[in-house]
Amino acid sequence: MRLVSAAVLALVILIPLAGCSGIFGPTAQEPSTFAPGVSNERVTDAATLAAANRAILQNTSYTYVRNYTQRVDTEGYHYAVNHDTRVWVGADGSFLYHHRGVVTGGEHPSEHIDGVWANGSIAVTRTINVRNGSVTYTRYRPPEPYSAANATHNDVSRALRGALVTTTWNESGTAYRRVHANTSETRRWQASNGTAVNLTTRRTATATIREDGLVSSLNTTVSGDRPLPVAANDSIRSNGRPIAHFRDQASVRYRELGTTDIPRPDWVDEALAATDGLSFGQTTAPRLRNASS
């Protein structure tokens, strides 16, 4: 082991503390930290950021809003789906989930409204088939049919890999960063005529990050071309898998942290009455929906 001379040690000791940032503090090679997994310039570890986001939401009430659309188009086939979700979550894990899903095109167009109300000891669900006006109910023992965390998932760890900081600001004494990711991937696929083609998928994501790691908003887009899924391909009776253009868009927001109250809609009493005497997980037979509920 090489020994350090006393003269060198003396020089180190005499260096004023004000100039010691390169020795005791961050160096030029160490990016300054803004939030867990995020530097002042970029997202350095999206998994760490996702964990910080989950930890913040785990111990508080909040309102979750997600809007999702998907479009798939090729000659003779047009498919579209819209999902609108809102979840009110309590600090104790109780929640009210409301979702509306509309599918157009394809062989099975549909429109459903789904609800889940859970208070920790009991959970009840309601599913409305808007097209025929029927409703069904189910009673569960939590954590079934799913937890608040599963109902309010945010795909931070995948969407924000390598995202760069584009905007910085302060609001009421709290620092925020807006980040943006833009990636693409090209894969080789077999076209309907048997030839090989290169098809590209493009991904973009924009998010707002609070200095403690809360990802308060996340917008993602995935678009490109790929062979039509087999099930959809059967519906147009094609001999091969034609290339279709697809576009998925999602917008997620977290609101009213610490101030969200969990509503108890009237249909909860209807669900409890309808499922009285049924086993957990057993669904009622479809019945006509009360238009006022």
C-alpha atoms as a PDB file:
ATOM      1  CA  MET A   1       0.000   0.000   0.000  1.00  0.00           C
ATOM      2  CA  ARG A   2       1.406   3.415  -0.998  1.00  0.00           C
ATOM      3  CA  LEU A   3       1.877   5.779   1.969  1.00  0.00           C
ATOM      4  CA  VAL A   4       0.776   9.428   1.803  1.00  0.00           C
ATOM      5  CA  SER A   5       3.463  11.895   2.877  1.00  0.00           C
ATOM      6  CA  ALA A   6       2.953  14.219   5.805  1.00  0.00           C
ATOM      7  CA  ALA A   7       3.381  17.223   3.497  1.00  0.00           C
ATOM      8  CA  VAL A   8       0.475  16.134   1.325  1.00  0.00           C
ATOM      9  CA  LEU A   9      -1.692  15.537   4.385  1.00  0.00           C
ATOM     10  CA  ALA A  10      -0.867  19.007   5.652  1.00  0.00           C
ATOM     11  CA  LEU A  11      -1.948  20.544   2.345  1.00  0.00           C
ATOM     12  CA  VAL A  12      -5.275  18.725   2.504  1.00  0.00           C
ATOM     13  CA  ILE A  13      -5.893  19.915   6.060  1.00  0.00           C
ATOM     14  CA  LEU A  14      -5.126  23.530   5.130  1.00  0.00           C
ATOM     15  CA  ILE A  15      -7.697  23.634   2.290  1.00  0.00           C
ATOM     16  CA  PRO A  16     -10.591  25.905   3.415  1.00  0.00           C
ATOM     17  CA  LEU A  17     -13.851  24.057   3.960  1.00  0.00           C
ATOM     18  CA  ALA A  18     -15.662  26.395   1.580  1.00  0.00           C
ATOM     19  CA  GLY A  19     -13.662  24.952  -1.275  1.00  0.00           C
ATOM     20  CA  CYS A  20     -14.142  21.295  -0.360  1.00  0.00           C
ATOM     21  CA  SER A  21     -17.224  20.512  -2.442  1.00  0.00           C
ATOM     22  CA  GLY A  22     -15.130  18.371  -4.752  1.00  0.00           C
ATOM     23  CA  ILE A  23     -13.900  16.291  -1.809  1.00  0.00           C
ATOM     24  CA  PHE A  24     -16.839  16.048   0.576  1.00  0.00           C
ATOM     25  CA  GLY A  25     -19.791  16.996  -1.697  1.00  0.00           C
ATOM     26  CA  PRO A  26     -21.014  16.173  -5.223  1.00  0.00           C
ATOM     27  CA  THR A  27     -18.406  16.117  -7.955  1.00  0.00           C
ATOM     28  CA  ALA A  28     -18.780  16.874 -11.639  1.00  0.00           C
ATOM     29  CA  GLN A  29     -19.350  13.158 -12.228  1.00  0.00           C
ATOM     30  CA  GLU A  30     -22.195  12.904  -9.688  1.00  0.00           C
ATOM     31  CA  PRO A  31     -25.485  14.393 -10.953  1.00  0.00           C
ATOM     32  CA  SER A  32     -27.323  16.515  -8.424  1.00  0.00           C
ATOM     33  CA  THR A  33     -30.513  14.865  -7.189  1.00  0.00           C
ATOM     34  CA  PHE A  34     -33.963  16.381  -7.637  1.00  0.00           C
ATOM     35  CA  ALA A  35     -36.201  13.468  -6.591  1.00  0.00           C
ATOM     36  CA  PRO A  36     -35.658   9.735  -6.009  1.00  0.00           C
ATOM     37  CA  GLY A  37     -34.393   8.363  -9.324  1.00  0.00           C
ATOM     38  CA  VAL A  38     -34.350  11.839 -10.909  1.00  0.00           C
ATOM     39  CA  SER A  39     -31.464  14.284 -11.333  1.00  0.00           C
ATOM     40  CA  ASN A  40     -31.787  17.912 -12.367  1.00  0.00           C
ATOM     41  CA  GLU A  41     -31.245  16.775 -15.954  1.00  0.00           C
ATOM     42  CA  ARG A  42     -32.963  13.401 -16.429  1.00  0.00           C
ATOM     43  CA  VAL A  43     -34.681  10.347 -14.956  1.00  0.00           C
ATOM     44  CA  THR A  44     -31.751   8.202 -13.845  1.00  0.00           C
ATOM     45  CA  ASP A  45     -33.722   5.283 -12.367  1.00  0.00           C
ATOM     46  CA  ALA A  46     -37.388   5.006 -13.334  1.00  0.00           C
ATOM     47  CA  ALA A  47     -37.955   2.017 -11.013  1.00  0.00           C
ATOM     48  CA  THR A  48     -36.763   4.042  -8.006  1.00  0.00           C
ATOM     49  CA  LEU A  49     -39.039   6.914  -9.017  1.00  0.00           C
ATOM     50  CA  ALA A  50     -41.993   4.528  -9.356  1.00  0.00           C
ATOM     51  CA  ALA A  51     -41.326   3.137  -5.860  1.00  0.00           C
ATOM     52  CA  ALA A  52     -41.218   6.659  -4.398  1.00  0.00           C
ATOM     53  CA  ASN A  53     -44.498   7.511  -6.117  1.00  0.00           C
ATOM     54  CA  ARG A  54     -46.174   4.387  -4.676  1.00  0.00           C
ATOM     55  CA  ALA A  55     -44.813   5.101  -1.183  1.00  0.00           C
ATOM     56  CA  ILE A  56     -46.298   8.613  -1.177  1.00  0.00           C
ATOM     57  CA  LEU A  57     -49.722   7.373  -2.262  1.00  0.00           C
ATOM     58  CA  GLN A  58     -49.731   4.484   0.206  1.00  0.00           C
ATOM     59  CA  ASN A  59     -50.301   6.634   3.288  1.00  0.00           C
ATOM     60  CA  THR A  60     -52.677   9.318   2.078  1.00  0.00           C
ATOM     61  CA  SER A  61     -56.026   9.810   0.425  1.00  0.00           C
ATOM     62  CA  TYR A  62     -56.112  10.810  -3.237  1.00  0.00           C
ATOM     63  CA  THR A  63     -58.227  10.909  -6.367  1.00  0.00           C
ATOM     64  CA  TYR A  64     -57.027   9.062  -9.471  1.00  0.00           C
ATOM     65  CA  VAL A  65     -58.206   9.905 -12.984  1.00  0.00           C
ATOM     66  CA  ARG A  66     -57.220   7.906 -16.078  1.00  0.00           C
ATOM     67  CA  ASN A  67     -58.362   8.261 -19.678  1.00  0.00           C
ATOM     68  CA  TYR A  68     -57.263   5.675 -22.228  1.00  0.00           C
ATOM     69  CA  THR A  69     -57.979   5.251 -25.941  1.00  0.00           C
ATOM     70  CA  GLN A  70     -56.863   2.684 -28.486  1.00  0.00           C
ATOM     71  CA  ARG A  71     -57.343   2.745 -32.246  1.00  0.00           C
ATOM     72  CA  VAL A  72     -56.502  -0.064 -34.690  1.00  0.00           C
ATOM     73  CA  ASP A  73     -57.085   0.449 -38.411  1.00  0.00           C
ATOM     74  CA  THR A  74     -56.442  -1.500 -41.592  1.00  0.00           C
ATOM     75  CA  GLU A  75     -58.403  -2.156 -44.762  1.00  0.00           C
ATOM     76  CA  GLY A  76     -61.737  -3.703 -43.791  1.00  0.00           C
ATOM     77  CA  TYR A  77     -61.114  -3.443 -40.035  1.00  0.00           C
ATOM     78  CA  HIS A  78     -61.536  -0.521 -37.661  1.00  0.00           C
ATOM     79  CA  TYR A  79     -61.474  -0.942 -33.886  1.00  0.00           C
ATOM     80  CA  ALA A  80     -61.696   1.673 -31.140  1.00  0.00           C
ATOM     81  CA  VAL A  81     -61.918   1.510 -27.356  1.00  0.00           C
ATOM     82  CA  ASN A  82     -62.308   4.256 -24.763  1.00  0.00           C
ATOM     83  CA  HIS A  83     -61.781   3.743 -21.035  1.00  0.00           C
ATOM     84  CA  ASP A  84     -62.556   6.491 -18.518  1.00  0.00           C
ATOM     85  CA  THR A  85     -61.661   5.677 -14.903  1.00  0.00           C
ATOM     86  CA  ARG A  86     -61.946   7.626 -11.656  1.00  0.00           C
ATOM     87  CA  VAL A  87     -61.012   6.239  -8.233  1.00  0.00           C
ATOM     88  CA  TRP A  88     -61.452   7.879  -4.831  1.00  0.00           C
ATOM     89  CA  VAL A  89     -58.968   6.338  -2.357  1.00  0.00           C
ATOM     90  CA  GLY A  90     -58.807   6.681   1.430  1.00  0.00           C
ATOM     91  CA  ALA A  91     -55.633   6.630   3.522  1.00  0.00           C
ATOM     92  CA  ASP A  92     -56.797   3.296   4.977  1.00  0.00           C
ATOM     93  CA  GLY A  93     -57.083   1.669   1.537  1.00  0.00           C
ATOM     94  CA  SER A  94     -60.866   1.980   1.221  1.00  0.00           C
ATOM     95  CA  PHE A  95     -61.951   3.178  -2.218  1.00  0.00           C
ATOM     96  CA  LEU A  96     -64.672   3.798  -4.768  1.00  0.00           C
ATOM     97  CA  TYR A  97     -63.870   2.795  -8.343  1.00  0.00           C
ATOM     98  CA  HIS A  98     -65.867   4.036 -11.345  1.00  0.00           C
ATOM     99  CA  HIS A  99     -65.111   2.987 -14.915  1.00  0.00           C
ATOM    100  CA  ARG A 100     -66.835   3.405 -18.260  1.00  0.00           C
ATOM    101  CA  GLY A 101     -65.639   1.353 -21.224  1.00  0.00           C
ATOM    102  CA  VAL A 102     -66.869   1.709 -24.795  1.00  0.00           C
ATOM    103  CA  VAL A 103     -65.790  -0.618 -27.625  1.00  0.00           C
ATOM    104  CA  THR A 104     -66.743   0.145 -31.241  1.00  0.00           C
ATOM    105  CA  GLY A 105     -65.826  -1.807 -34.351  1.00  0.00           C
ATOM    106  CA  GLY A 106     -64.679  -5.392 -34.377  1.00  0.00           C
ATOM    107  CA  GLU A 107     -67.109  -8.269 -33.787  1.00  0.00           C
ATOM    108  CA  HIS A 108     -68.166  -7.424 -30.234  1.00  0.00           C
ATOM    109  CA  PRO A 109     -69.029  -3.733 -29.695  1.00  0.00           C
ATOM    110  CA  SER A 110     -70.001  -3.000 -26.107  1.00  0.00           C
ATOM    111  CA  GLU A 111     -70.526  -0.360 -23.451  1.00  0.00           C
ATOM    112  CA  HIS A 112     -70.181  -1.096 -19.747  1.00  0.00           C
ATOM    113  CA  ILE A 113     -70.112   0.909 -16.525  1.00  0.00           C
ATOM    114  CA  ASP A 114     -68.249  -0.801 -13.673  1.00  0.00           C
ATOM    115  CA  GLY A 115     -68.152   0.189 -10.018  1.00  0.00           C
ATOM    116  CA  VAL A 116     -66.373  -1.157  -6.943  1.00  0.00           C
ATOM    117  CA  TRP A 117     -66.869   0.074  -3.381  1.00  0.00           C
ATOM    118  CA  ALA A 118     -64.601  -1.351  -0.658  1.00  0.00           C
ATOM    119  CA  ASN A 119     -64.230  -0.352   2.994  1.00  0.00           C
ATOM    120  CA  GLY A 120     -61.657  -2.894   4.227  1.00  0.00           C
ATOM    121  CA  SER A 121     -64.107  -5.546   5.466  1.00  0.00           C
ATOM    122  CA  ILE A 122     -66.459  -5.829   2.504  1.00  0.00           C
ATOM    123  CA  ALA A 123     -66.336  -5.021  -1.201  1.00  0.00           C
ATOM    124  CA  VAL A 124     -69.253  -4.929  -3.639  1.00  0.00           C
ATOM    125  CA  THR A 125     -69.243  -4.470  -7.399  1.00  0.00           C
ATOM    126  CA  ARG A 126     -71.812  -3.316  -9.908  1.00  0.00           C
ATOM    127  CA  THR A 127     -71.597  -3.865 -13.675  1.00  0.00           C
ATOM    128  CA  ILE A 128     -74.058  -2.173 -16.018  1.00  0.00           C
ATOM    129  CA  ASN A 129     -74.482  -3.355 -19.592  1.00  0.00           C
ATOM    130  CA  VAL A 130     -75.540  -0.081 -21.158  1.00  0.00           C
ATOM    131  CA  ARG A 131     -76.650  -1.679 -24.424  1.00  0.00           C
ATOM    132  CA  ASN A 132     -79.326  -3.916 -22.893  1.00  0.00           C
ATOM    133  CA  GLY A 133     -79.947  -1.971 -19.681  1.00  0.00           C
ATOM    134  CA  SER A 134     -79.065  -4.849 -17.347  1.00  0.00           C
ATOM    135  CA  VAL A 135     -77.057  -4.797 -14.122  1.00  0.00           C
ATOM    136  CA  THR A 136     -75.269  -7.433 -12.033  1.00  0.00           C
ATOM    137  CA  TYR A 137     -73.802  -7.333  -8.513  1.00  0.00           C
ATOM    138  CA  THR A 138     -71.069  -9.272  -6.719  1.00  0.00           C
ATOM    139  CA  ARG A 139     -69.859  -9.295  -3.114  1.00  0.00           C
ATOM    140  CA  TYR A 140     -66.227  -9.959  -2.148  1.00  0.00           C
ATOM    141  CA  ARG A 141     -63.997 -10.174   0.893  1.00  0.00           C
ATOM    142  CA  PRO A 142     -61.108  -7.660   0.422  1.00  0.00           C
ATOM    143  CA  PRO A 143     -58.520  -7.504  -1.028  1.00  0.00           C
ATOM    144  CA  GLU A 144     -60.622  -9.043  -3.814  1.00  0.00           C
ATOM    145  CA  PRO A 145     -61.535  -8.155  -6.500  1.00  0.00           C
ATOM    146  CA  TYR A 146     -58.494  -5.886  -6.336  1.00  0.00           C
ATOM    147  CA  SER A 147     -56.809  -3.336  -4.090  1.00  0.00           C
ATOM    148  CA  ALA A 148     -56.759   0.436  -4.424  1.00  0.00           C
ATOM    149  CA  ALA A 149     -53.100   0.242  -5.469  1.00  0.00           C
ATOM    150  CA  ASN A 150     -53.950  -2.121  -8.327  1.00  0.00           C
ATOM    151  CA  ALA A 151     -56.877   0.038  -9.390  1.00  0.00           C
ATOM    152  CA  THR A 152     -54.699   3.164  -9.599  1.00  0.00           C
ATOM    153  CA  HIS A 153     -51.580   1.784 -11.279  1.00  0.00           C
ATOM    154  CA  ASN A 154     -49.200   4.186 -13.008  1.00  0.00           C
ATOM    155  CA  ASP A 155     -46.637   2.725 -15.440  1.00  0.00           C
ATOM    156  CA  VAL A 156     -43.810   5.070 -14.418  1.00  0.00           C
ATOM    157  CA  SER A 157     -41.033   2.468 -14.399  1.00  0.00           C
ATOM    158  CA  ARG A 158     -41.460   1.693 -18.095  1.00  0.00           C
ATOM    159  CA  ALA A 159     -42.733   4.967 -19.529  1.00  0.00           C
ATOM    160  CA  LEU A 160     -40.085   7.291 -18.071  1.00  0.00           C
ATOM    161  CA  ARG A 161     -36.863   5.371 -18.680  1.00  0.00           C
ATOM    162  CA  GLY A 162     -34.228   7.888 -19.760  1.00  0.00           C
ATOM    163  CA  ALA A 163     -36.696  10.807 -19.805  1.00  0.00           C
ATOM    164  CA  LEU A 164     -35.078  14.251 -19.932  1.00  0.00           C
ATOM    165  CA  VAL A 165     -36.041  17.292 -17.856  1.00  0.00           C
ATOM    166  CA  THR A 166     -37.626  19.948 -20.090  1.00  0.00           C
ATOM    167  CA  THR A 167     -39.134  22.442 -17.618  1.00  0.00           C
ATOM    168  CA  THR A 168     -38.518  23.414 -13.983  1.00  0.00           C
ATOM    169  CA  TRP A 169     -40.634  25.565 -11.691  1.00  0.00           C
ATOM    170  CA  ASN A 170     -41.683  26.182  -8.087  1.00  0.00           C
ATOM    171  CA  GLU A 171     -45.225  26.274  -6.815  1.00  0.00           C
ATOM    172  CA  SER A 172     -46.124  27.288  -3.254  1.00  0.00           C
ATOM    173  CA  GLY A 173     -42.558  26.580  -2.163  1.00  0.00           C
ATOM    174  CA  THR A 174     -42.418  23.116  -3.803  1.00  0.00           C
ATOM    175  CA  ALA A 175     -40.168  22.316  -6.761  1.00  0.00           C
ATOM    176  CA  TYR A 176     -41.477  20.529  -9.862  1.00  0.00           C
ATOM    177  CA  ARG A 177     -39.930  19.143 -13.036  1.00  0.00           C
ATOM    178  CA  ARG A 178     -41.551  18.209 -16.322  1.00  0.00           C
ATOM    179  CA  VAL A 179     -39.814  15.363 -18.119  1.00  0.00           C
ATOM    180  CA  HIS A 180     -40.178  13.918 -21.607  1.00  0.00           C
ATOM    181  CA  ALA A 181     -39.188  10.574 -23.152  1.00  0.00           C
ATOM    182  CA  ASN A 182     -39.180   9.715 -26.850  1.00  0.00           C
ATOM    183  CA  THR A 183     -38.083   6.255 -28.024  1.00  0.00           C
ATOM    184  CA  SER A 184     -38.663   3.943 -30.981  1.00  0.00           C
ATOM    185  CA  GLU A 185     -38.119   0.258 -31.699  1.00  0.00           C
ATOM    186  CA  THR A 186     -38.054  -1.490 -35.071  1.00  0.00           C
ATOM    187  CA  ARG A 187     -38.833  -5.210 -35.351  1.00  0.00           C
ATOM    188  CA  ARG A 188     -38.980  -7.595 -38.260  1.00  0.00           C
ATOM    189  CA  TRP A 189     -42.426  -9.098 -38.963  1.00  0.00           C
ATOM    190  CA  GLN A 190     -43.881 -11.366 -41.625  1.00  0.00           C
ATOM    191  CA  ALA A 191     -46.398  -9.629 -43.864  1.00  0.00           C
ATOM    192  CA  SER A 192     -49.561 -11.290 -45.231  1.00  0.00           C
ATOM    193  CA  ASN A 193     -47.842 -12.084 -48.538  1.00  0.00           C
ATOM    194  CA  GLY A 194     -45.057 -13.939 -46.720  1.00  0.00           C
ATOM    195  CA  THR A 195     -42.382 -11.287 -47.119  1.00  0.00           C
ATOM    196  CA  ALA A 196     -40.484  -9.847 -44.153  1.00  0.00           C
ATOM    197  CA  VAL A 197     -41.066  -6.206 -43.261  1.00  0.00           C
ATOM    198  CA  ASN A 198     -39.569  -3.829 -40.694  1.00  0.00           C
ATOM    199  CA  LEU A 199     -42.206  -2.197 -38.511  1.00  0.00           C
ATOM    200  CA  THR A 200     -41.522   0.593 -36.034  1.00  0.00           C
ATOM    201  CA  THR A 201     -43.210   1.302 -32.707  1.00  0.00           C
ATOM    202  CA  ARG A 202     -42.825   4.802 -31.263  1.00  0.00           C
ATOM    203  CA  ARG A 203     -43.292   5.661 -27.578  1.00  0.00           C
ATOM    204  CA  THR A 204     -43.560   9.113 -26.023  1.00  0.00           C
ATOM    205  CA  ALA A 205     -44.206  10.103 -22.420  1.00  0.00           C
ATOM    206  CA  THR A 206     -44.526  13.407 -20.595  1.00  0.00           C
ATOM    207  CA  ALA A 207     -44.794  13.619 -16.803  1.00  0.00           C
ATOM    208  CA  THR A 208     -44.868  16.145 -13.983  1.00  0.00           C
ATOM    209  CA  ILE A 209     -42.706  15.155 -10.995  1.00  0.00           C
ATOM    210  CA  ARG A 210     -42.744  16.713  -7.536  1.00  0.00           C
ATOM    211  CA  GLU A 211     -39.483  17.006  -5.585  1.00  0.00           C
ATOM    212  CA  ASP A 212     -40.454  14.160  -3.217  1.00  0.00           C
ATOM    213  CA  GLY A 213     -41.062  11.756  -6.128  1.00  0.00           C
ATOM    214  CA  LEU A 214     -44.804  12.110  -6.685  1.00  0.00           C
ATOM    215  CA  VAL A 215     -45.599  11.726 -10.385  1.00  0.00           C
ATOM    216  CA  SER A 216     -48.731  13.854 -10.379  1.00  0.00           C
ATOM    217  CA  SER A 217     -49.423  13.478 -14.110  1.00  0.00           C
ATOM    218  CA  LEU A 218     -48.304  11.111 -16.850  1.00  0.00           C
ATOM    219  CA  ASN A 219     -49.279  11.210 -20.533  1.00  0.00           C
ATOM    220  CA  THR A 220     -48.170   8.379 -22.817  1.00  0.00           C
ATOM    221  CA  THR A 221     -48.575   7.550 -26.494  1.00  0.00           C
ATOM    222  CA  VAL A 222     -47.631   4.305 -28.256  1.00  0.00           C
ATOM    223  CA  SER A 223     -48.118   4.193 -32.020  1.00  0.00           C
ATOM    224  CA  GLY A 224     -46.888   2.345 -35.067  1.00  0.00           C
ATOM    225  CA  ASP A 225     -47.679  -0.586 -37.327  1.00  0.00           C
ATOM    226  CA  ARG A 226     -47.926  -4.318 -36.640  1.00  0.00           C
ATOM    227  CA  PRO A 227     -49.749  -7.389 -37.962  1.00  0.00           C
ATOM    228  CA  LEU A 228     -53.418  -7.520 -37.043  1.00  0.00           C
ATOM    229  CA  PRO A 229     -54.099  -9.809 -34.033  1.00  0.00           C
ATOM    230  CA  VAL A 230     -55.230 -13.299 -35.030  1.00  0.00           C
ATOM    231  CA  ALA A 231     -58.706 -12.923 -33.503  1.00  0.00           C
ATOM    232  CA  ALA A 232     -59.293  -9.667 -35.366  1.00  0.00           C
ATOM    233  CA  ASN A 233     -57.813 -11.159 -38.535  1.00  0.00           C
ATOM    234  CA  ASP A 234     -60.418 -13.936 -38.409  1.00  0.00           C
ATOM    235  CA  SER A 235     -63.199 -11.368 -38.331  1.00  0.00           C
ATOM    236  CA  ILE A 236     -62.250 -10.007 -41.758  1.00  0.00           C
ATOM    237  CA  ARG A 237     -61.528 -13.502 -43.140  1.00  0.00           C
ATOM    238  CA  SER A 238     -58.129 -12.642 -44.499  1.00  0.00           C
ATOM    239  CA  ASN A 239     -55.743 -15.342 -45.708  1.00  0.00           C
ATOM    240  CA  GLY A 240     -52.823 -13.584 -44.047  1.00  0.00           C
ATOM    241  CA  ARG A 241     -52.266 -11.094 -41.235  1.00  0.00           C
ATOM    242  CA  PRO A 242     -52.548  -7.619 -42.785  1.00  0.00           C
ATOM    243  CA  ILE A 243     -50.483  -4.779 -41.348  1.00  0.00           C
ATOM    244  CA  ALA A 244     -52.564  -2.445 -39.176  1.00  0.00           C
ATOM    245  CA  HIS A 245     -51.804   0.987 -37.767  1.00  0.00           C
ATOM    246  CA  PHE A 246     -52.384   1.337 -34.033  1.00  0.00           C
ATOM    247  CA  ARG A 247     -52.318   4.214 -31.575  1.00  0.00           C
ATOM    248  CA  ASP A 248     -52.696   3.943 -27.783  1.00  0.00           C
ATOM    249  CA  GLN A 249     -52.967   7.063 -25.627  1.00  0.00           C
ATOM    250  CA  ALA A 250     -53.255   7.314 -21.844  1.00  0.00           C
ATOM    251  CA  SER A 251     -53.515  10.222 -19.441  1.00  0.00           C
ATOM    252  CA  VAL A 252     -53.173   9.732 -15.662  1.00  0.00           C
ATOM    253  CA  ARG A 253     -53.673  12.347 -12.943  1.00  0.00           C
ATOM    254  CA  TYR A 254     -53.432  12.230  -9.135  1.00  0.00           C
ATOM    255  CA  ARG A 255     -55.472  14.920  -7.385  1.00  0.00           C
ATOM    256  CA  GLU A 256     -56.660  16.024  -3.921  1.00  0.00           C
ATOM    257  CA  LEU A 257     -53.874  14.290  -1.996  1.00  0.00           C
ATOM    258  CA  GLY A 258     -54.813  14.224   1.676  1.00  0.00           C
ATOM    259  CA  THR A 259     -58.246  15.778   1.106  1.00  0.00           C
ATOM    260  CA  THR A 260     -60.179  13.096  -0.802  1.00  0.00           C
ATOM    261  CA  ASP A 261     -63.388  11.770   0.781  1.00  0.00           C
ATOM    262  CA  ILE A 262     -64.733   8.363  -0.291  1.00  0.00           C
ATOM    263  CA  PRO A 263     -68.308   8.645  -1.636  1.00  0.00           C
ATOM    264  CA  ARG A 264     -70.821   5.921  -0.785  1.00  0.00           C
ATOM    265  CA  PRO A 265     -73.228   5.843  -3.734  1.00  0.00           C
ATOM    266  CA  ASP A 266     -76.795   4.549  -3.414  1.00  0.00           C
ATOM    267  CA  TRP A 267     -76.016   1.467  -5.488  1.00  0.00           C
ATOM    268  CA  VAL A 268     -73.885   0.082  -2.625  1.00  0.00           C
ATOM    269  CA  ASP A 269     -77.051  -0.642  -0.606  1.00  0.00           C
ATOM    270  CA  GLU A 270     -78.626  -2.214  -3.697  1.00  0.00           C
ATOM    271  CA  ALA A 271     -75.541  -4.425  -4.162  1.00  0.00           C
ATOM    272  CA  LEU A 272     -75.527  -5.520  -0.514  1.00  0.00           C
ATOM    273  CA  ALA A 273     -79.212  -6.415  -0.658  1.00  0.00           C
ATOM    274  CA  ALA A 274     -78.907  -8.208  -3.993  1.00  0.00           C
ATOM    275  CA  THR A 275     -75.939 -10.326  -2.862  1.00  0.00           C
ATOM    276  CA  ASP A 276     -77.292 -11.181   0.592  1.00  0.00           C
ATOM    277  CA  GLY A 277     -77.036 -14.957   0.973  1.00  0.00           C
ATOM    278  CA  LEU A 278     -74.685 -15.419  -2.003  1.00  0.00           C
ATOM    279  CA  SER A 279     -71.156 -16.775  -1.641  1.00  0.00           C
ATOM    280  CA  PHE A 280     -68.240 -14.375  -1.942  1.00  0.00           C
ATOM    281  CA  GLY A 281     -67.433 -13.940  -5.628  1.00  0.00           C
ATOM    282  CA  GLN A 282     -70.845 -15.173  -6.792  1.00  0.00           C
ATOM    283  CA  THR A 283     -72.535 -12.809  -9.256  1.00  0.00           C
ATOM    284  CA  THR A 284     -76.256 -12.153  -9.378  1.00  0.00           C
ATOM    285  CA  ALA A 285     -78.274 -12.936 -12.467  1.00  0.00           C
ATOM    286  CA  PRO A 286     -78.665  -9.896 -14.773  1.00  0.00           C
ATOM    287  CA  ARG A 287     -81.648  -7.733 -13.861  1.00  0.00           C
ATOM    288  CA  LEU A 288     -83.143  -4.598 -15.338  1.00  0.00           C
ATOM    289  CA  ARG A 289     -81.342  -1.545 -14.137  1.00  0.00           C
ATOM    290  CA  ASN A 290     -83.167   1.062 -12.114  1.00  0.00           C
ATOM    291  CA  ALA A 291     -82.751   4.158 -14.272  1.00  0.00           C
ATOM    292  CA  SER A 292     -82.411   6.358 -11.192  1.00  0.00           C
ATOM    293  CA  SER A 293     -79.470   4.381  -9.773  1.00  0.00           C
END
